[in-house]
Protein backbone atom coordinates (compact mmCIF):
# COMPACT_ATOMS: atom_id res chain seq x y z
CA UNK A 1 205.49 1.00 116.98
CA UNK A 2 203.17 3.55 115.46
CA UNK A 3 201.90 6.39 117.60
CA UNK A 4 198.18 6.29 118.23
CA UNK A 5 196.18 9.34 117.37
CA UNK A 6 194.70 11.04 120.42
CA UNK A 7 190.97 10.70 120.65
CA UNK A 8 188.73 13.24 122.33
CA UNK A 9 185.44 12.23 123.84
CA UNK A 10 183.10 15.02 122.71
CA UNK A 11 180.66 14.20 125.50
CA UNK A 12 183.25 15.46 127.99
CA UNK A 13 183.89 18.72 126.16
CA UNK A 14 183.16 21.86 128.15
CA UNK A 15 181.29 24.48 126.17
CA UNK A 16 182.11 27.77 127.79
CA UNK A 17 179.34 30.30 127.76
CA UNK A 18 179.88 33.80 126.53
CA UNK A 19 180.31 36.82 128.73
CA UNK A 20 177.23 37.80 130.68
CA UNK A 21 175.25 40.90 129.82
CA UNK A 22 173.97 41.74 133.31
CA UNK A 23 174.71 45.36 134.08
CA UNK A 24 176.43 45.87 130.74
CA UNK A 25 175.39 47.50 127.56
CA UNK A 26 173.82 45.31 124.93
CA UNK A 27 174.11 46.05 121.27
CA UNK A 28 170.96 46.11 119.18
CA UNK A 29 171.53 45.45 115.52
CA UNK A 30 169.24 47.79 113.65
CA UNK A 31 170.52 46.80 110.22
CA UNK A 32 172.90 49.74 110.10
CA UNK A 33 176.07 49.65 108.11
CA UNK A 34 179.10 51.69 109.02
CA UNK A 35 181.39 52.18 111.99
CA UNK A 36 178.51 51.66 114.44
CA UNK A 37 176.54 48.61 113.37
CA UNK A 38 174.02 48.96 116.18
CA UNK A 39 172.95 51.18 119.03
CA UNK A 40 173.78 50.69 122.67
CA UNK A 41 170.89 50.17 125.08
CA UNK A 42 170.58 49.63 128.80
CA UNK A 43 168.49 46.91 130.37
CA UNK A 44 164.96 48.11 131.25
CA UNK A 45 165.49 47.19 134.91
CA UNK A 46 168.60 49.39 135.08
CA UNK A 47 166.72 52.32 133.54
CA UNK A 48 163.84 51.85 136.00
CA UNK A 49 166.26 51.75 138.96
CA UNK A 50 168.05 54.88 137.74
CA UNK A 51 164.76 56.78 137.34
CA UNK A 52 163.59 55.60 140.78
CA UNK A 53 166.86 56.78 142.30
CA UNK A 54 166.48 60.19 140.64
CA UNK A 55 162.84 60.41 141.75
CA UNK A 56 163.86 59.66 145.34
CA UNK A 57 166.55 62.36 145.38
CA UNK A 58 164.23 64.82 143.67
CA UNK A 59 161.40 64.19 146.11
CA UNK A 60 163.82 64.52 149.05
CA UNK A 61 165.05 67.86 147.72
CA UNK A 62 161.51 69.07 147.10
CA UNK A 63 160.36 68.24 150.63
CA UNK A 64 163.49 69.77 152.16
CA UNK A 65 162.99 72.97 150.16
CA UNK A 66 159.30 73.21 151.11
CA UNK A 67 160.18 72.65 154.78
CA UNK A 68 162.87 75.32 154.62
CA UNK A 69 160.48 77.71 152.88
CA UNK A 70 157.84 77.26 155.60
CA UNK A 71 160.12 77.29 158.65
CA UNK A 72 163.11 79.38 157.42
CA UNK A 73 165.56 76.72 158.63
CA UNK A 74 166.86 73.63 156.87
CA UNK A 75 165.67 70.20 157.97
CA UNK A 76 168.06 68.15 160.06
CA UNK A 77 168.10 65.01 162.12
CA UNK A 78 167.84 67.21 165.24
CA UNK A 79 164.11 67.30 164.52
CA UNK A 80 163.92 63.85 166.10
CA UNK A 81 164.76 65.37 169.48
CA UNK A 82 162.21 68.15 169.15
CA UNK A 83 159.46 65.89 167.77
CA UNK A 84 158.37 65.08 171.32
CA UNK A 85 157.14 68.66 171.63
CA UNK A 86 155.69 68.75 168.13
CA UNK A 87 153.87 66.09 166.22
CA UNK A 88 155.94 62.95 165.57
CA UNK A 89 153.38 61.93 162.95
CA UNK A 90 154.66 64.77 160.78
CA UNK A 91 158.34 64.79 161.75
CA UNK A 92 159.14 61.12 161.17
CA UNK A 93 157.70 60.87 157.62
CA UNK A 94 159.37 64.18 156.79
CA UNK A 95 162.76 62.91 157.91
CA UNK A 96 162.12 59.54 156.30
CA UNK A 97 161.75 61.14 152.88
CA UNK A 98 164.27 64.01 153.25
CA UNK A 99 167.06 61.84 154.72
CA UNK A 100 168.97 61.39 151.41
CA UNK A 101 169.07 65.17 150.97
CA UNK A 102 170.18 65.73 154.58
CA UNK A 103 172.89 63.05 154.37
CA UNK A 104 174.32 64.46 151.14
CA UNK A 105 174.15 68.06 152.40
CA UNK A 106 176.00 67.13 155.59
CA UNK A 107 178.54 65.12 153.60
CA UNK A 108 179.27 68.00 151.24
CA UNK A 109 179.57 70.42 154.15
CA UNK A 110 181.99 68.09 155.93
CA UNK A 111 184.05 67.71 152.76
CA UNK A 112 184.67 71.48 152.67
CA UNK A 113 185.64 71.63 156.34
CA UNK A 114 187.76 68.50 156.63
CA UNK A 115 190.36 67.25 154.20
CA UNK A 116 190.43 63.61 153.17
CA UNK A 117 187.77 61.23 154.29
CA UNK A 118 187.11 59.72 150.87
CA UNK A 119 185.88 56.48 152.43
CA UNK A 120 183.43 58.32 154.63
CA UNK A 121 182.12 60.35 151.69
CA UNK A 122 181.74 57.21 149.60
CA UNK A 123 179.90 55.39 152.39
CA UNK A 124 177.58 58.36 152.98
CA UNK A 125 176.85 58.56 149.25
CA UNK A 126 176.04 54.87 149.11
CA UNK A 127 173.71 55.12 152.12
CA UNK A 128 171.98 58.19 150.70
CA UNK A 129 171.65 56.52 147.30
CA UNK A 130 170.17 53.34 148.72
CA UNK A 131 167.81 55.33 150.93
CA UNK A 132 166.82 57.43 147.93
CA UNK A 133 166.17 54.28 145.90
CA UNK A 134 163.87 52.96 148.61
CA UNK A 135 162.01 56.24 149.08
CA UNK A 136 161.73 56.63 145.31
CA UNK A 137 160.19 53.16 145.11
CA UNK A 138 157.68 54.14 147.80
CA UNK A 139 156.83 57.38 145.98
CA UNK A 140 156.37 55.44 142.74
CA UNK A 141 154.04 53.00 144.46
CA UNK A 142 152.04 55.88 145.98
CA UNK A 143 151.67 57.44 142.52
CA UNK A 144 150.42 54.11 141.12
CA UNK A 145 147.89 53.70 143.95
CA UNK A 146 146.60 57.26 143.61
CA UNK A 147 146.33 56.80 139.86
CA UNK A 148 144.41 53.55 140.40
CA UNK A 149 141.85 55.17 142.69
CA UNK A 150 141.51 58.28 140.52
CA UNK A 151 140.70 56.27 137.40
């Protein structure tokens, strides 16, 4: 009895897709020859998010420095308790935009005083980064709106 050749139904073949490129570098082929055949680029959305994050941290630092210059004391979350005496219409937006700076300053101060606490520092950095991303997005939108009405 002769052995039958195995047949494969090509309609049932699984074509595996390649590795995804989300969040990874993509290689652009610019026609170069040599050890680096192309250049590495980031996705435009990743670049925009990184710039928004930096803008949020920068704006938080700028507002905190201006506040400290005017009042000779650094901003802190204790301003929420004293905002009943002052104007909450100024205190709450100030703390809303300077919160990433305050969180990171308090985290770095606590890291010098206490040993360990890597998880706490990582969590505080993530919260400050996310908050900075959101405030940077709001600052970007305000710049766009002001630019629209100025033009």
